[in-house]
Full PDB file with SEQRES, HELIX, SHEET, SSBOND, CRYST1, ORIGX, SCALE, CONECT and MASTER records, all heavy atoms in Angstrom:
SEQRES   1 A   37  VAL PRO LEU ASP ALA ARG LEU GLY TRP HIS THR VAL MET          
SEQRES   2 A   37  THR GLU GLY PHE GLY ALA LEU PRO LYS VAL ALA SER VAL          
SEQRES   3 A   37  LEU LYS ALA THR LEU GLU THR THR ARG PRO TYR                  
HELIX    1 AA1 LEU A    3  ALA A    5  5                                   3    
HELIX    2 AA2 TRP A    9  GLU A   15  1                                   7    
HELIX    3 AA3 PHE A   17  ALA A   19  5                                   3    
HELIX    4 AA4 LEU A   20  THR A   33  1                                  14    
CRYST1    1.000    1.000    1.000  90.00  90.00  90.00 P 1           1          
ORIGX1      1.000000  0.000000  0.000000        0.00000                         
ORIGX2      0.000000  1.000000  0.000000        0.00000                         
ORIGX3      0.000000  0.000000  1.000000        0.00000                         
SCALE1      1.000000  0.000000  0.000000        0.00000                         
SCALE2      0.000000  1.000000  0.000000        0.00000                         
SCALE3      0.000000  0.000000  1.000000        0.00000                         
ATOM      1  N   VAL A   1      72.365 -11.644  16.730  1.00  0.00           N  
ATOM      2  CA  VAL A   1      73.369 -12.636  17.120  1.00  0.00           C  
ATOM      3  C   VAL A   1      74.469 -11.912  17.895  1.00  0.00           C  
ATOM      4  O   VAL A   1      74.688 -10.715  17.703  1.00  0.00           O  
ATOM      5  CB  VAL A   1      73.974 -13.357  15.888  1.00  0.00           C  
ATOM      6  CG1 VAL A   1      72.909 -14.111  15.121  1.00  0.00           C  
ATOM      7  CG2 VAL A   1      74.696 -12.370  14.976  1.00  0.00           C  
ATOM      8  N   PRO A   2      75.165 -12.608  18.776  1.00  0.00           N  
ATOM      9  CA  PRO A   2      76.238 -11.953  19.533  1.00  0.00           C  
ATOM     10  C   PRO A   2      77.399 -11.545  18.638  1.00  0.00           C  
ATOM     11  O   PRO A   2      77.556 -12.063  17.528  1.00  0.00           O  
ATOM     12  CB  PRO A   2      76.657 -13.027  20.549  1.00  0.00           C  
ATOM     13  CG  PRO A   2      76.176 -14.314  19.969  1.00  0.00           C  
ATOM     14  CD  PRO A   2      74.943 -13.998  19.186  1.00  0.00           C  
ATOM     15  N   LEU A   3      78.213 -10.624  19.113  1.00  0.00           N  
ATOM     16  CA  LEU A   3      79.348 -10.142  18.331  1.00  0.00           C  
ATOM     17  C   LEU A   3      80.280 -11.271  17.921  1.00  0.00           C  
ATOM     18  O   LEU A   3      80.823 -11.281  16.812  1.00  0.00           O  
ATOM     19  CB  LEU A   3      80.132  -9.087  19.123  1.00  0.00           C  
ATOM     20  CG  LEU A   3      79.469  -7.720  19.308  1.00  0.00           C  
ATOM     21  CD1 LEU A   3      80.376  -6.814  20.136  1.00  0.00           C  
ATOM     22  CD2 LEU A   3      79.135  -7.082  17.961  1.00  0.00           C  
ATOM     23  N   ASP A   4      80.462 -12.248  18.823  1.00  0.00           N  
ATOM     24  CA  ASP A   4      81.395 -13.326  18.503  1.00  0.00           C  
ATOM     25  C   ASP A   4      80.794 -14.384  17.585  1.00  0.00           C  
ATOM     26  O   ASP A   4      81.415 -15.403  17.319  1.00  0.00           O  
ATOM     27  CB  ASP A   4      81.934 -13.990  19.774  1.00  0.00           C  
ATOM     28  CG  ASP A   4      80.841 -14.592  20.641  1.00  0.00           C  
ATOM     29  OD1 ASP A   4      79.668 -14.603  20.211  1.00  0.00           O  
ATOM     30  OD2 ASP A   4      81.162 -15.068  21.757  1.00  0.00           O  
ATOM     31  N   ALA A   5      79.566 -14.133  17.065  1.00  0.00           N  
ATOM     32  CA  ALA A   5      78.982 -15.029  16.062  1.00  0.00           C  
ATOM     33  C   ALA A   5      79.567 -14.782  14.685  1.00  0.00           C  
ATOM     34  O   ALA A   5      79.336 -15.552  13.755  1.00  0.00           O  
ATOM     35  CB  ALA A   5      77.460 -14.866  16.016  1.00  0.00           C  
ATOM     36  N   ARG A   6      80.333 -13.694  14.557  1.00  0.00           N  
ATOM     37  CA  ARG A   6      80.959 -13.399  13.274  1.00  0.00           C  
ATOM     38  C   ARG A   6      82.178 -14.288  13.089  1.00  0.00           C  
ATOM     39  O   ARG A   6      83.084 -14.306  13.927  1.00  0.00           O  
ATOM     40  CB  ARG A   6      81.387 -11.929  13.231  1.00  0.00           C  
ATOM     41  CG  ARG A   6      82.105 -11.529  11.952  1.00  0.00           C  
ATOM     42  CD  ARG A   6      82.345 -10.032  11.904  1.00  0.00           C  
ATOM     43  NE  ARG A   6      83.161  -9.677  10.747  1.00  0.00           N  
ATOM     44  CZ  ARG A   6      83.418  -8.417  10.376  1.00  0.00           C  
ATOM     45  NH1 ARG A   6      82.910  -7.413  11.062  1.00  0.00           N  
ATOM     46  NH2 ARG A   6      84.171  -8.165   9.320  1.00  0.00           N  
ATOM     47  N   LEU A   7      82.210 -15.043  11.997  1.00  0.00           N  
ATOM     48  CA  LEU A   7      83.329 -15.939  11.739  1.00  0.00           C  
ATOM     49  C   LEU A   7      84.604 -15.134  11.504  1.00  0.00           C  
ATOM     50  O   LEU A   7      84.599 -14.157  10.749  1.00  0.00           O  
ATOM     51  CB  LEU A   7      83.051 -16.818  10.515  1.00  0.00           C  
ATOM     52  CG  LEU A   7      82.077 -17.973  10.710  1.00  0.00           C  
ATOM     53  CD1 LEU A   7      81.937 -18.752   9.414  1.00  0.00           C  
ATOM     54  CD2 LEU A   7      82.516 -18.904  11.819  1.00  0.00           C  
ATOM     55  N   GLY A   8      85.677 -15.552  12.149  1.00  0.00           N  
ATOM     56  CA  GLY A   8      86.949 -14.881  11.976  1.00  0.00           C  
ATOM     57  C   GLY A   8      87.141 -13.675  12.864  1.00  0.00           C  
ATOM     58  O   GLY A   8      88.224 -13.082  12.883  1.00  0.00           O  
ATOM     59  N   TRP A   9      86.109 -13.307  13.639  1.00  0.00           N  
ATOM     60  CA  TRP A   9      86.210 -12.115  14.463  1.00  0.00           C  
ATOM     61  C   TRP A   9      87.269 -12.267  15.551  1.00  0.00           C  
ATOM     62  O   TRP A   9      87.917 -11.313  15.944  1.00  0.00           O  
ATOM     63  CB  TRP A   9      84.857 -11.793  15.078  1.00  0.00           C  
ATOM     64  CG  TRP A   9      84.765 -10.401  15.650  1.00  0.00           C  
ATOM     65  CD1 TRP A   9      84.508 -10.052  16.937  1.00  0.00           C  
ATOM     66  CD2 TRP A   9      84.906  -9.167  14.938  1.00  0.00           C  
ATOM     67  NE1 TRP A   9      84.488  -8.684  17.077  1.00  0.00           N  
ATOM     68  CE2 TRP A   9      84.726  -8.116  15.858  1.00  0.00           C  
ATOM     69  CE3 TRP A   9      85.172  -8.843  13.597  1.00  0.00           C  
ATOM     70  CZ2 TRP A   9      84.810  -6.775  15.494  1.00  0.00           C  
ATOM     71  CZ3 TRP A   9      85.256  -7.514  13.249  1.00  0.00           C  
ATOM     72  CH2 TRP A   9      85.077  -6.501  14.180  1.00  0.00           C  
ATOM     73  N   HIS A  10      87.439 -13.508  16.030  1.00  0.00           N  
ATOM     74  CA  HIS A  10      88.467 -13.747  17.052  1.00  0.00           C  
ATOM     75  C   HIS A  10      89.861 -13.432  16.497  1.00  0.00           C  
ATOM     76  O   HIS A  10      90.738 -12.960  17.212  1.00  0.00           O  
ATOM     77  CB  HIS A  10      88.404 -15.191  17.547  1.00  0.00           C  
ATOM     78  CG  HIS A  10      88.721 -16.210  16.501  1.00  0.00           C  
ATOM     79  ND1 HIS A  10      87.891 -16.438  15.415  1.00  0.00           N  
ATOM     80  CD2 HIS A  10      89.775 -17.056  16.351  1.00  0.00           C  
ATOM     81  CE1 HIS A  10      88.424 -17.382  14.651  1.00  0.00           C  
ATOM     82  NE2 HIS A  10      89.560 -17.773  15.198  1.00  0.00           N  
ATOM     83  N   THR A  11      90.047 -13.701  15.189  1.00  0.00           N  
ATOM     84  CA  THR A  11      91.336 -13.396  14.556  1.00  0.00           C  
ATOM     85  C   THR A  11      91.535 -11.891  14.445  1.00  0.00           C  
ATOM     86  O   THR A  11      92.631 -11.366  14.694  1.00  0.00           O  
ATOM     87  CB  THR A  11      91.409 -14.029  13.154  1.00  0.00           C  
ATOM     88  OG1 THR A  11      91.176 -15.431  13.264  1.00  0.00           O  
ATOM     89  CG2 THR A  11      92.768 -13.796  12.519  1.00  0.00           C  
ATOM     90  N   VAL A  12      90.476 -11.170  14.088  1.00  0.00           N  
ATOM     91  CA  VAL A  12      90.559  -9.714  13.971  1.00  0.00           C  
ATOM     92  C   VAL A  12      90.862  -9.095  15.333  1.00  0.00           C  
ATOM     93  O   VAL A  12      91.664  -8.159  15.450  1.00  0.00           O  
ATOM     94  CB  VAL A  12      89.244  -9.140  13.398  1.00  0.00           C  
ATOM     95  CG1 VAL A  12      89.273  -7.620  13.402  1.00  0.00           C  
ATOM     96  CG2 VAL A  12      89.024  -9.656  11.982  1.00  0.00           C  
ATOM     97  N   MET A  13      90.247  -9.625  16.372  1.00  0.00           N  
ATOM     98  CA  MET A  13      90.434  -9.062  17.706  1.00  0.00           C  
ATOM     99  C   MET A  13      91.855  -9.266  18.219  1.00  0.00           C  
ATOM    100  O   MET A  13      92.356  -8.478  19.020  1.00  0.00           O  
ATOM    101  CB  MET A  13      89.431  -9.685  18.687  1.00  0.00           C  
ATOM    102  CG  MET A  13      87.975  -9.357  18.371  1.00  0.00           C  
ATOM    103  SD  MET A  13      87.617  -7.582  18.274  1.00  0.00           S  
ATOM    104  CE  MET A  13      87.767  -7.127  19.994  1.00  0.00           C  
ATOM    105  N   THR A  14      92.506 -10.346  17.767  1.00  0.00           N  
ATOM    106  CA  THR A  14      93.867 -10.614  18.231  1.00  0.00           C  
ATOM    107  C   THR A  14      94.929 -10.018  17.300  1.00  0.00           C  
ATOM    108  O   THR A  14      95.990  -9.600  17.755  1.00  0.00           O  
ATOM    109  CB  THR A  14      94.111 -12.124  18.360  1.00  0.00           C  
ATOM    110  OG1 THR A  14      93.836 -12.761  17.099  1.00  0.00           O  
ATOM    111  CG2 THR A  14      93.212 -12.717  19.434  1.00  0.00           C  
ATOM    112  N   GLU A  15      94.629  -9.962  16.007  1.00  0.00           N  
ATOM    113  CA  GLU A  15      95.624  -9.494  15.041  1.00  0.00           C  
ATOM    114  C   GLU A  15      95.335  -8.102  14.491  1.00  0.00           C  
ATOM    115  O   GLU A  15      96.141  -7.543  13.757  1.00  0.00           O  
ATOM    116  CB  GLU A  15      95.723 -10.483  13.874  1.00  0.00           C  
ATOM    117  CG  GLU A  15      96.160 -11.886  14.286  1.00  0.00           C  
ATOM    118  CD  GLU A  15      96.289 -12.820  13.110  1.00  0.00           C  
ATOM    119  OE1 GLU A  15      96.360 -12.317  11.966  1.00  0.00           O  
ATOM    120  OE2 GLU A  15      96.315 -14.043  13.326  1.00  0.00           O  
ATOM    121  N   GLY A  16      94.154  -7.559  14.809  1.00  0.00           N  
ATOM    122  CA  GLY A  16      93.793  -6.243  14.303  1.00  0.00           C  
ATOM    123  C   GLY A  16      93.034  -6.333  12.986  1.00  0.00           C  
ATOM    124  O   GLY A  16      92.888  -7.412  12.394  1.00  0.00           O  
ATOM    125  N   PHE A  17      92.541  -5.192  12.514  1.00  0.00           N  
ATOM    126  CA  PHE A  17      91.708  -5.178  11.309  1.00  0.00           C  
ATOM    127  C   PHE A  17      92.494  -5.513  10.050  1.00  0.00           C  
ATOM    128  O   PHE A  17      91.908  -5.769   8.997  1.00  0.00           O  
ATOM    129  CB  PHE A  17      91.018  -3.818  11.168  1.00  0.00           C  
ATOM    130  CG  PHE A  17      89.860  -3.637  12.092  1.00  0.00           C  
ATOM    131  CD1 PHE A  17      90.041  -3.074  13.347  1.00  0.00           C  
ATOM    132  CD2 PHE A  17      88.592  -4.044  11.726  1.00  0.00           C  
ATOM    133  CE1 PHE A  17      88.966  -2.916  14.219  1.00  0.00           C  
ATOM    134  CE2 PHE A  17      87.518  -3.895  12.586  1.00  0.00           C  
ATOM    135  CZ  PHE A  17      87.704  -3.327  13.840  1.00  0.00           C  
ATOM    136  N   GLY A  18      93.827  -5.535  10.148  1.00  0.00           N  
ATOM    137  CA  GLY A  18      94.617  -5.971   9.003  1.00  0.00           C  
ATOM    138  C   GLY A  18      94.402  -7.427   8.669  1.00  0.00           C  
ATOM    139  O   GLY A  18      94.774  -7.888   7.586  1.00  0.00           O  
ATOM    140  N   ALA A  19      93.774  -8.171   9.605  1.00  0.00           N  
ATOM    141  CA  ALA A  19      93.511  -9.594   9.374  1.00  0.00           C  
ATOM    142  C   ALA A  19      92.265  -9.818   8.518  1.00  0.00           C  
ATOM    143  O   ALA A  19      92.007 -10.939   8.074  1.00  0.00           O  
ATOM    144  CB  ALA A  19      93.348 -10.323  10.711  1.00  0.00           C  
ATOM    145  N   LEU A  20      91.480  -8.767   8.259  1.00  0.00           N  
ATOM    146  CA  LEU A  20      90.237  -8.928   7.496  1.00  0.00           C  
ATOM    147  C   LEU A  20      90.443  -9.556   6.121  1.00  0.00           C  
ATOM    148  O   LEU A  20      89.689 -10.450   5.726  1.00  0.00           O  
ATOM    149  CB  LEU A  20      89.521  -7.583   7.361  1.00  0.00           C  
ATOM    150  CG  LEU A  20      88.706  -7.134   8.579  1.00  0.00           C  
ATOM    151  CD1 LEU A  20      88.174  -5.720   8.369  1.00  0.00           C  
ATOM    152  CD2 LEU A  20      87.563  -8.102   8.850  1.00  0.00           C  
ATOM    153  N   PRO A  21      91.448  -9.113   5.332  1.00  0.00           N  
ATOM    154  CA  PRO A  21      91.648  -9.762   4.025  1.00  0.00           C  
ATOM    155  C   PRO A  21      91.944 -11.259   4.155  1.00  0.00           C  
ATOM    156  O   PRO A  21      91.502 -12.055   3.327  1.00  0.00           O  
ATOM    157  CB  PRO A  21      92.844  -9.004   3.439  1.00  0.00           C  
ATOM    158  CG  PRO A  21      92.812  -7.670   4.104  1.00  0.00           C  
ATOM    159  CD  PRO A  21      92.343  -7.952   5.503  1.00  0.00           C  
ATOM    160  N   LYS A  22      92.679 -11.640   5.209  1.00  0.00           N  
ATOM    161  CA  LYS A  22      92.984 -13.052   5.402  1.00  0.00           C  
ATOM    162  C   LYS A  22      91.721 -13.840   5.714  1.00  0.00           C  
ATOM    163  O   LYS A  22      91.503 -14.925   5.175  1.00  0.00           O  
ATOM    164  CB  LYS A  22      93.992 -13.228   6.541  1.00  0.00           C  
ATOM    165  CG  LYS A  22      94.387 -14.669   6.801  1.00  0.00           C  
ATOM    166  CD  LYS A  22      95.534 -14.790   7.773  1.00  0.00           C  
ATOM    167  CE  LYS A  22      95.103 -14.425   9.171  1.00  0.00           C  
ATOM    168  NZ  LYS A  22      96.177 -14.645  10.164  1.00  0.00           N  
ATOM    169  N   VAL A  23      90.857 -13.273   6.561  1.00  0.00           N  
ATOM    170  CA  VAL A  23      89.591 -13.930   6.889  1.00  0.00           C  
ATOM    171  C   VAL A  23      88.732 -14.060   5.639  1.00  0.00           C  
ATOM    172  O   VAL A  23      88.124 -15.104   5.385  1.00  0.00           O  
ATOM    173  CB  VAL A  23      88.835 -13.138   7.982  1.00  0.00           C  
ATOM    174  CG1 VAL A  23      87.448 -13.722   8.199  1.00  0.00           C  
ATOM    175  CG2 VAL A  23      89.624 -13.146   9.290  1.00  0.00           C  
ATOM    176  N   ALA A  24      88.683 -12.991   4.822  1.00  0.00           N  
ATOM    177  CA  ALA A  24      87.890 -13.020   3.594  1.00  0.00           C  
ATOM    178  C   ALA A  24      88.391 -14.096   2.637  1.00  0.00           C  
ATOM    179  O   ALA A  24      87.592 -14.791   1.989  1.00  0.00           O  
ATOM    180  CB  ALA A  24      87.922 -11.652   2.918  1.00  0.00           C  
ATOM    181  N   SER A  25      89.708 -14.250   2.539  1.00  0.00           N  
ATOM    182  CA  SER A  25      90.256 -15.264   1.635  1.00  0.00           C  
ATOM    183  C   SER A  25      89.929 -16.665   2.114  1.00  0.00           C  
ATOM    184  O   SER A  25      89.698 -17.569   1.311  1.00  0.00           O  
ATOM    185  CB  SER A  25      91.775 -15.092   1.500  1.00  0.00           C  
ATOM    186  OG  SER A  25      92.425 -15.365   2.729  1.00  0.00           O  
ATOM    187  N   VAL A  26      89.887 -16.847   3.429  1.00  0.00           N  
ATOM    188  CA  VAL A  26      89.519 -18.154   3.985  1.00  0.00           C  
ATOM    189  C   VAL A  26      88.079 -18.488   3.640  1.00  0.00           C  
ATOM    190  O   VAL A  26      87.750 -19.604   3.222  1.00  0.00           O  
ATOM    191  CB  VAL A  26      89.732 -18.169   5.513  1.00  0.00           C  
ATOM    192  CG1 VAL A  26      89.093 -19.404   6.135  1.00  0.00           C  
ATOM    193  CG2 VAL A  26      91.214 -18.138   5.840  1.00  0.00           C  
ATOM    194  N   LEU A  27      87.193 -17.507   3.793  1.00  0.00           N  
ATOM    195  CA  LEU A  27      85.783 -17.734   3.469  1.00  0.00           C  
ATOM    196  C   LEU A  27      85.597 -18.012   1.986  1.00  0.00           C  
ATOM    197  O   LEU A  27      84.798 -18.866   1.590  1.00  0.00           O  
ATOM    198  CB  LEU A  27      84.954 -16.525   3.897  1.00  0.00           C  
ATOM    199  CG  LEU A  27      84.829 -16.303   5.409  1.00  0.00           C  
ATOM    200  CD1 LEU A  27      84.149 -14.981   5.696  1.00  0.00           C  
ATOM    201  CD2 LEU A  27      84.070 -17.453   6.057  1.00  0.00           C  
ATOM    202  N   LYS A  28      86.344 -17.287   1.150  1.00  0.00           N  
ATOM    203  CA  LYS A  28      86.258 -17.524  -0.295  1.00  0.00           C  
ATOM    204  C   LYS A  28      86.708 -18.935  -0.642  1.00  0.00           C  
ATOM    205  O   LYS A  28      86.127 -19.610  -1.508  1.00  0.00           O  
ATOM    206  CB  LYS A  28      87.104 -16.504  -1.046  1.00  0.00           C  
ATOM    207  CG  LYS A  28      87.025 -16.632  -2.556  1.00  0.00           C  
ATOM    208  CD  LYS A  28      87.875 -15.564  -3.244  1.00  0.00           C  
ATOM    209  CE  LYS A  28      87.811 -15.708  -4.763  1.00  0.00           C  
ATOM    210  NZ  LYS A  28      88.654 -14.706  -5.439  1.00  0.00           N  
ATOM    211  N   ALA A  29      87.735 -19.409   0.056  1.00  0.00           N  
ATOM    212  CA  ALA A  29      88.264 -20.744  -0.224  1.00  0.00           C  
ATOM    213  C   ALA A  29      87.252 -21.835   0.104  1.00  0.00           C  
ATOM    214  O   ALA A  29      87.277 -22.909  -0.498  1.00  0.00           O  
ATOM    215  CB  ALA A  29      89.553 -20.971   0.562  1.00  0.00           C  
ATOM    216  N   THR A  30      86.335 -21.542   1.033  1.00  0.00           N  
ATOM    217  CA  THR A  30      85.347 -22.564   1.389  1.00  0.00           C  
ATOM    218  C   THR A  30      84.430 -22.896   0.210  1.00  0.00           C  
ATOM    219  O   THR A  30      83.890 -24.002   0.121  1.00  0.00           O  
ATOM    220  CB  THR A  30      84.484 -22.119   2.579  1.00  0.00           C  
ATOM    221  OG1 THR A  30      83.735 -20.955   2.222  1.00  0.00           O  
ATOM    222  CG2 THR A  30      85.342 -21.817   3.792  1.00  0.00           C  
ATOM    223  N   LEU A  31      84.238 -21.918  -0.687  1.00  0.00           N  
ATOM    224  CA  LEU A  31      83.378 -22.168  -1.842  1.00  0.00           C  
ATOM    225  C   LEU A  31      83.944 -23.261  -2.736  1.00  0.00           C  
ATOM    226  O   LEU A  31      83.209 -23.922  -3.482  1.00  0.00           O  
ATOM    227  CB  LEU A  31      83.179 -20.879  -2.642  1.00  0.00           C  
ATOM    228  CG  LEU A  31      82.403 -19.769  -1.920  1.00  0.00           C  
ATOM    229  CD1 LEU A  31      82.445 -18.487  -2.738  1.00  0.00           C  
ATOM    230  CD2 LEU A  31      80.965 -20.202  -1.670  1.00  0.00           C  
ATOM    231  N   GLU A  32      85.273 -23.432  -2.687  1.00  0.00           N  
ATOM    232  CA  GLU A  32      85.896 -24.470  -3.507  1.00  0.00           C  
ATOM    233  C   GLU A  32      85.617 -25.866  -2.946  1.00  0.00           C  
ATOM    234  O   GLU A  32      85.733 -26.862  -3.658  1.00  0.00           O  
ATOM    235  CB  GLU A  32      87.411 -24.246  -3.568  1.00  0.00           C  
ATOM    236  CG  GLU A  32      87.838 -22.858  -4.030  1.00  0.00           C  
ATOM    237  CD  GLU A  32      87.494 -22.615  -5.485  1.00  0.00           C  
ATOM    238  OE1 GLU A  32      87.413 -23.600  -6.233  1.00  0.00           O  
ATOM    239  OE2 GLU A  32      87.306 -21.444  -5.866  1.00  0.00           O  
ATOM    240  N   THR A  33      85.264 -25.925  -1.653  1.00  0.00           N  
ATOM    241  CA  THR A  33      85.168 -27.210  -0.963  1.00  0.00           C  
ATOM    242  C   THR A  33      84.129 -28.137  -1.581  1.00  0.00           C  
ATOM    243  O   THR A  33      84.365 -29.340  -1.723  1.00  0.00           O  
ATOM    244  CB  THR A  33      84.840 -26.989   0.526  1.00  0.00           C  
ATOM    245  OG1 THR A  33      85.854 -26.169   1.101  1.00  0.00           O  
ATOM    246  CG2 THR A  33      84.782 -28.309   1.274  1.00  0.00           C  
ATOM    247  N   THR A  34      82.960 -27.609  -1.924  1.00  0.00           N  
ATOM    248  CA  THR A  34      81.869 -28.475  -2.380  1.00  0.00           C  
ATOM    249  C   THR A  34      81.809 -28.637  -3.890  1.00  0.00           C  
ATOM    250  O   THR A  34      80.932 -29.344  -4.388  1.00  0.00           O  
ATOM    251  CB  THR A  34      80.518 -27.929  -1.888  1.00  0.00           C  
ATOM    252  OG1 THR A  34      80.389 -26.564  -2.295  1.00  0.00           O  
ATOM    253  CG2 THR A  34      80.422 -28.011  -0.376  1.00  0.00           C  
ATOM    254  N   ARG A  35      82.702 -28.025  -4.616  1.00  0.00           N  
ATOM    255  CA  ARG A  35      82.633 -28.162  -6.078  1.00  0.00           C  
ATOM    256  C   ARG A  35      82.837 -29.612  -6.534  1.00  0.00           C  
ATOM    257  O   ARG A  35      82.124 -30.074  -7.429  1.00  0.00           O  
ATOM    258  CB  ARG A  35      83.621 -27.204  -6.746  1.00  0.00           C  
ATOM    259  CG  ARG A  35      83.142 -25.766  -6.635  1.00  0.00           C  
ATOM    260  CD  ARG A  35      84.010 -24.766  -7.335  1.00  0.00           C  
ATOM    261  NE  ARG A  35      83.416 -23.429  -7.259  1.00  0.00           N  
ATOM    262  CZ  ARG A  35      83.982 -22.330  -7.705  1.00  0.00           C  
ATOM    263  NH1 ARG A  35      85.175 -22.397  -8.270  1.00  0.00           N  
ATOM    264  NH2 ARG A  35      83.382 -21.166  -7.598  1.00  0.00           N  
ATOM    265  N   PRO A  36      83.791 -30.357  -5.976  1.00  0.00           N  
ATOM    266  CA  PRO A  36      83.891 -31.777  -6.359  1.00  0.00           C  
ATOM    267  C   PRO A  36      82.627 -32.563  -5.999  1.00  0.00           C  
ATOM    268  O   PRO A  36      82.213 -33.455  -6.736  1.00  0.00           O  
ATOM    269  CB  PRO A  36      85.103 -32.271  -5.560  1.00  0.00           C  
ATOM    270  CG  PRO A  36      85.911 -31.052  -5.306  1.00  0.00           C  
ATOM    271  CD  PRO A  36      84.905 -29.960  -5.094  1.00  0.00           C  
ATOM    272  N   TYR A  37      82.020 -32.218  -4.860  1.00  0.00           N  
ATOM    273  CA  TYR A  37      80.799 -32.888  -4.416  1.00  0.00           C  
ATOM    274  C   TYR A  37      79.659 -32.631  -5.401  1.00  0.00           C  
ATOM    275  O   TYR A  37      78.940 -33.554  -5.812  1.00  0.00           O  
ATOM    276  CB  TYR A  37      80.439 -32.368  -3.018  1.00  0.00           C  
ATOM    277  CG  TYR A  37      79.074 -32.724  -2.512  1.00  0.00           C  
ATOM    278  CD1 TYR A  37      78.789 -34.010  -2.071  1.00  0.00           C  
ATOM    279  CD2 TYR A  37      78.060 -31.767  -2.441  1.00  0.00           C  
ATOM    280  CE1 TYR A  37      77.536 -34.336  -1.581  1.00  0.00           C  
ATOM    281  CE2 TYR A  37      76.804 -32.083  -1.954  1.00  0.00           C  
ATOM    282  CZ  TYR A  37      76.548 -33.371  -1.524  1.00  0.00           C  
ATOM    283  OH  TYR A  37      75.302 -33.679  -1.043  1.00  0.00           O  
TER     284      TYR A  37                                                      
MASTER        0    0    0    4    0    0    0    6  283    1    0    3          
END                                                                             
């Protein structure tokens, strides 16, 4: 897959690798989305 297929990579490229924890927390939060479903 292309490099830009990585979710959140655009944020890392603009904010630097310090943005990785923020991207990880966003992905973790998605797991909460379907629990009510």
